[in-house]
């Protein structure tokens, strides 16, 4: 083979390789070193055990005692008297994806609250399933 033919074949190979995007395979071809690793967000861990004040604007407030050791993801609730709405039936709490879920004595969800403020676990706010705004603050 002549040098000119080898050079032409080499150039054609380079152009063909540069133009190969893997479209015939249904998308871009990715090599292991090109794939971005998904960064998993660490789930916040709160210590919910203790006394909390549940407040519903214009509806009232009450003290609730949450049980559970540090870093527990579920526990029980002992509501004090005078809780607004149906919160007097609160019996269980769980942490799901960083949110506090409050459930009644039948296991029905009463509210979902998210941490509020500077990333502290001392204040949560959210909505009751009835749509009313609620806040939960550590006592």
C-alpha atoms as a PDB file:
ATOM      1  CA  UNK A   1       0.000   0.000   0.000  1.00  0.00           C
ATOM      2  CA  UNK A   2       1.124   3.462  -0.756  1.00  0.00           C
ATOM      3  CA  UNK A   3       1.714   6.067   1.885  1.00  0.00           C
ATOM      4  CA  UNK A   4      -1.006   8.255   0.379  1.00  0.00           C
ATOM      5  CA  UNK A   5      -3.570   5.419   0.657  1.00  0.00           C
ATOM      6  CA  UNK A   6      -2.564   4.679   4.275  1.00  0.00           C
ATOM      7  CA  UNK A   7      -2.844   8.356   5.171  1.00  0.00           C
ATOM      8  CA  UNK A   8      -6.281   8.563   3.551  1.00  0.00           C
ATOM      9  CA  UNK A   9      -7.487   5.431   5.388  1.00  0.00           C
ATOM     10  CA  UNK A  10      -6.136   6.758   8.684  1.00  0.00           C
ATOM     11  CA  UNK A  11      -7.904  10.094   8.207  1.00  0.00           C
ATOM     12  CA  UNK A  12     -11.187   8.387   7.277  1.00  0.00           C
ATOM     13  CA  UNK A  13     -10.922   6.228  10.405  1.00  0.00           C
ATOM     14  CA  UNK A  14     -10.340   9.296  12.572  1.00  0.00           C
ATOM     15  CA  UNK A  15     -13.311  11.149  11.055  1.00  0.00           C
ATOM     16  CA  UNK A  16     -15.545   8.107  11.464  1.00  0.00           C
ATOM     17  CA  UNK A  17     -14.502   7.683  15.107  1.00  0.00           C
ATOM     18  CA  UNK A  18     -14.995  11.392  15.835  1.00  0.00           C
ATOM     19  CA  UNK A  19     -18.482  11.328  14.329  1.00  0.00           C
ATOM     20  CA  UNK A  20     -19.628   8.235  16.247  1.00  0.00           C
ATOM     21  CA  UNK A  21     -22.069   9.369  18.940  1.00  0.00           C
ATOM     22  CA  UNK A  22     -23.808   6.106  19.605  1.00  0.00           C
ATOM     23  CA  UNK A  23     -27.116   7.416  18.248  1.00  0.00           C
ATOM     24  CA  UNK A  24     -27.833   4.045  16.678  1.00  0.00           C
ATOM     25  CA  UNK A  25     -27.842   2.622  20.195  1.00  0.00           C
ATOM     26  CA  UNK A  26     -30.502   5.032  21.391  1.00  0.00           C
ATOM     27  CA  UNK A  27     -28.372   7.785  22.890  1.00  0.00           C
ATOM     28  CA  UNK A  28     -24.900   8.983  23.619  1.00  0.00           C
ATOM     29  CA  UNK A  29     -22.359   6.333  24.362  1.00  0.00           C
ATOM     30  CA  UNK A  30     -20.962   6.796  27.868  1.00  0.00           C
ATOM     31  CA  UNK A  31     -17.801   5.291  29.185  1.00  0.00           C
ATOM     32  CA  UNK A  32     -17.357   4.580  32.904  1.00  0.00           C
ATOM     33  CA  UNK A  33     -14.974   7.499  33.345  1.00  0.00           C
ATOM     34  CA  UNK A  34     -17.481   9.871  31.708  1.00  0.00           C
ATOM     35  CA  UNK A  35     -20.469   9.016  33.891  1.00  0.00           C
ATOM     36  CA  UNK A  36     -21.263  11.438  36.640  1.00  0.00           C
ATOM     37  CA  UNK A  37     -21.833   9.846  39.972  1.00  0.00           C
ATOM     38  CA  UNK A  38     -25.044  10.965  41.609  1.00  0.00           C
ATOM     39  CA  UNK A  39     -24.416  12.585  44.931  1.00  0.00           C
ATOM     40  CA  UNK A  40     -26.864  11.306  47.469  1.00  0.00           C
ATOM     41  CA  UNK A  41     -28.060  14.008  49.775  1.00  0.00           C
ATOM     42  CA  UNK A  42     -27.579  12.920  53.356  1.00  0.00           C
ATOM     43  CA  UNK A  43     -30.922  12.637  55.063  1.00  0.00           C
ATOM     44  CA  UNK A  44     -31.163  14.866  58.082  1.00  0.00           C
ATOM     45  CA  UNK A  45     -31.237  13.071  61.393  1.00  0.00           C
ATOM     46  CA  UNK A  46     -33.169  14.734  64.180  1.00  0.00           C
ATOM     47  CA  UNK A  47     -33.646  13.938  67.808  1.00  0.00           C
ATOM     48  CA  UNK A  48     -37.388  14.345  68.191  1.00  0.00           C
ATOM     49  CA  UNK A  49     -37.739  13.116  71.768  1.00  0.00           C
ATOM     50  CA  UNK A  50     -38.952  15.790  74.176  1.00  0.00           C
ATOM     51  CA  UNK A  51     -41.577  18.483  74.611  1.00  0.00           C
ATOM     52  CA  UNK A  52     -42.860  20.421  71.614  1.00  0.00           C
ATOM     53  CA  UNK A  53     -45.374  23.242  71.170  1.00  0.00           C
ATOM     54  CA  UNK A  54     -47.809  22.665  68.292  1.00  0.00           C
ATOM     55  CA  UNK A  55     -49.334  25.926  67.048  1.00  0.00           C
ATOM     56  CA  UNK A  56     -52.025  26.566  64.480  1.00  0.00           C
ATOM     57  CA  UNK A  57     -52.470  30.294  63.811  1.00  0.00           C
ATOM     58  CA  UNK A  58     -55.890  31.510  64.928  1.00  0.00           C
ATOM     59  CA  UNK A  59     -56.754  27.967  66.121  1.00  0.00           C
ATOM     60  CA  UNK A  60     -54.668  27.538  69.262  1.00  0.00           C
ATOM     61  CA  UNK A  61     -51.701  25.621  70.557  1.00  0.00           C
ATOM     62  CA  UNK A  62     -50.799  22.732  72.824  1.00  0.00           C
ATOM     63  CA  UNK A  63     -47.805  20.926  74.246  1.00  0.00           C
ATOM     64  CA  UNK A  64     -46.973  17.510  72.811  1.00  0.00           C
ATOM     65  CA  UNK A  65     -44.434  15.079  74.193  1.00  0.00           C
ATOM     66  CA  UNK A  66     -42.589  13.099  71.530  1.00  0.00           C
ATOM     67  CA  UNK A  67     -40.932   9.847  72.594  1.00  0.00           C
ATOM     68  CA  UNK A  68     -37.866   8.323  71.066  1.00  0.00           C
ATOM     69  CA  UNK A  69     -34.132   8.044  71.641  1.00  0.00           C
ATOM     70  CA  UNK A  70     -31.709  10.328  69.774  1.00  0.00           C
ATOM     71  CA  UNK A  71     -31.733   9.692  66.010  1.00  0.00           C
ATOM     72  CA  UNK A  72     -34.920   7.564  66.173  1.00  0.00           C
ATOM     73  CA  UNK A  73     -37.013   7.623  63.010  1.00  0.00           C
ATOM     74  CA  UNK A  74     -40.338   6.982  64.726  1.00  0.00           C
ATOM     75  CA  UNK A  75     -42.006   7.160  68.091  1.00  0.00           C
ATOM     76  CA  UNK A  76     -45.133   8.033  69.988  1.00  0.00           C
ATOM     77  CA  UNK A  77     -46.821  11.332  70.820  1.00  0.00           C
ATOM     78  CA  UNK A  78     -48.638  12.254  74.026  1.00  0.00           C
ATOM     79  CA  UNK A  79     -50.697  15.378  73.228  1.00  0.00           C
ATOM     80  CA  UNK A  80     -51.561  17.801  76.014  1.00  0.00           C
ATOM     81  CA  UNK A  81     -55.013  19.267  76.437  1.00  0.00           C
ATOM     82  CA  UNK A  82     -56.496  21.867  74.128  1.00  0.00           C
ATOM     83  CA  UNK A  83     -54.801  20.824  70.890  1.00  0.00           C
ATOM     84  CA  UNK A  84     -56.219  22.600  67.828  1.00  0.00           C
ATOM     85  CA  UNK A  85     -58.191  20.692  65.204  1.00  0.00           C
ATOM     86  CA  UNK A  86     -57.797  16.918  65.350  1.00  0.00           C
ATOM     87  CA  UNK A  87     -54.338  17.055  66.909  1.00  0.00           C
ATOM     88  CA  UNK A  88     -55.708  15.800  70.232  1.00  0.00           C
ATOM     89  CA  UNK A  89     -55.771  12.391  68.453  1.00  0.00           C
ATOM     90  CA  UNK A  90     -52.013  12.514  67.651  1.00  0.00           C
ATOM     91  CA  UNK A  91     -50.307   9.277  68.684  1.00  0.00           C
ATOM     92  CA  UNK A  92     -47.339   8.546  66.382  1.00  0.00           C
ATOM     93  CA  UNK A  93     -44.606  10.400  64.535  1.00  0.00           C
ATOM     94  CA  UNK A  94     -42.217   9.246  61.810  1.00  0.00           C
ATOM     95  CA  UNK A  95     -39.353  10.847  59.916  1.00  0.00           C
ATOM     96  CA  UNK A  96     -39.761  10.391  56.174  1.00  0.00           C
ATOM     97  CA  UNK A  97     -37.301  12.056  53.779  1.00  0.00           C
ATOM     98  CA  UNK A  98     -36.417  14.670  56.391  1.00  0.00           C
ATOM     99  CA  UNK A  99     -40.040  15.549  57.156  1.00  0.00           C
ATOM    100  CA  UNK A 100     -41.950  14.866  60.350  1.00  0.00           C
ATOM    101  CA  UNK A 101     -45.221  13.032  59.751  1.00  0.00           C
ATOM    102  CA  UNK A 102     -47.799  13.169  62.562  1.00  0.00           C
ATOM    103  CA  UNK A 103     -50.394  10.369  62.632  1.00  0.00           C
ATOM    104  CA  UNK A 104     -53.524   9.819  64.687  1.00  0.00           C
ATOM    105  CA  UNK A 105     -54.644   6.798  66.737  1.00  0.00           C
ATOM    106  CA  UNK A 106     -55.844   5.071  63.518  1.00  0.00           C
ATOM    107  CA  UNK A 107     -52.563   5.631  61.664  1.00  0.00           C
ATOM    108  CA  UNK A 108     -54.052   8.358  59.451  1.00  0.00           C
ATOM    109  CA  UNK A 109     -51.764  11.253  58.604  1.00  0.00           C
ATOM    110  CA  UNK A 110     -52.654  14.492  60.379  1.00  0.00           C
ATOM    111  CA  UNK A 111     -49.762  16.644  59.167  1.00  0.00           C
ATOM    112  CA  UNK A 112     -46.436  16.845  57.395  1.00  0.00           C
ATOM    113  CA  UNK A 113     -43.841  19.297  58.660  1.00  0.00           C
ATOM    114  CA  UNK A 114     -40.450  20.330  57.271  1.00  0.00           C
ATOM    115  CA  UNK A 115     -37.490  21.752  59.181  1.00  0.00           C
ATOM    116  CA  UNK A 116     -37.499  25.525  59.127  1.00  0.00           C
ATOM    117  CA  UNK A 117     -34.798  28.030  59.849  1.00  0.00           C
ATOM    118  CA  UNK A 118     -31.078  27.576  59.752  1.00  0.00           C
ATOM    119  CA  UNK A 119     -31.092  23.799  59.370  1.00  0.00           C
ATOM    120  CA  UNK A 120     -31.892  23.264  63.020  1.00  0.00           C
ATOM    121  CA  UNK A 121     -34.243  20.580  64.201  1.00  0.00           C
ATOM    122  CA  UNK A 122     -35.902  22.844  66.761  1.00  0.00           C
ATOM    123  CA  UNK A 123     -38.591  24.337  64.549  1.00  0.00           C
ATOM    124  CA  UNK A 124     -40.792  22.735  61.892  1.00  0.00           C
ATOM    125  CA  UNK A 125     -43.620  24.116  59.810  1.00  0.00           C
ATOM    126  CA  UNK A 126     -46.063  22.612  57.384  1.00  0.00           C
ATOM    127  CA  UNK A 127     -49.690  21.853  56.731  1.00  0.00           C
ATOM    128  CA  UNK A 128     -52.293  19.706  58.367  1.00  0.00           C
ATOM    129  CA  UNK A 129     -54.165  17.375  56.036  1.00  0.00           C
ATOM    130  CA  UNK A 130     -57.089  19.789  56.454  1.00  0.00           C
ATOM    131  CA  UNK A 131     -54.976  22.526  54.827  1.00  0.00           C
ATOM    132  CA  UNK A 132     -54.321  24.670  57.883  1.00  0.00           C
ATOM    133  CA  UNK A 133     -50.772  25.903  58.538  1.00  0.00           C
ATOM    134  CA  UNK A 134     -49.081  24.502  61.620  1.00  0.00           C
ATOM    135  CA  UNK A 135     -45.796  24.956  63.427  1.00  0.00           C
ATOM    136  CA  UNK A 136     -43.931  22.736  65.827  1.00  0.00           C
ATOM    137  CA  UNK A 137     -41.294  24.274  68.123  1.00  0.00           C
ATOM    138  CA  UNK A 138     -39.112  22.559  70.716  1.00  0.00           C
ATOM    139  CA  UNK A 139     -39.834  23.602  74.296  1.00  0.00           C
END
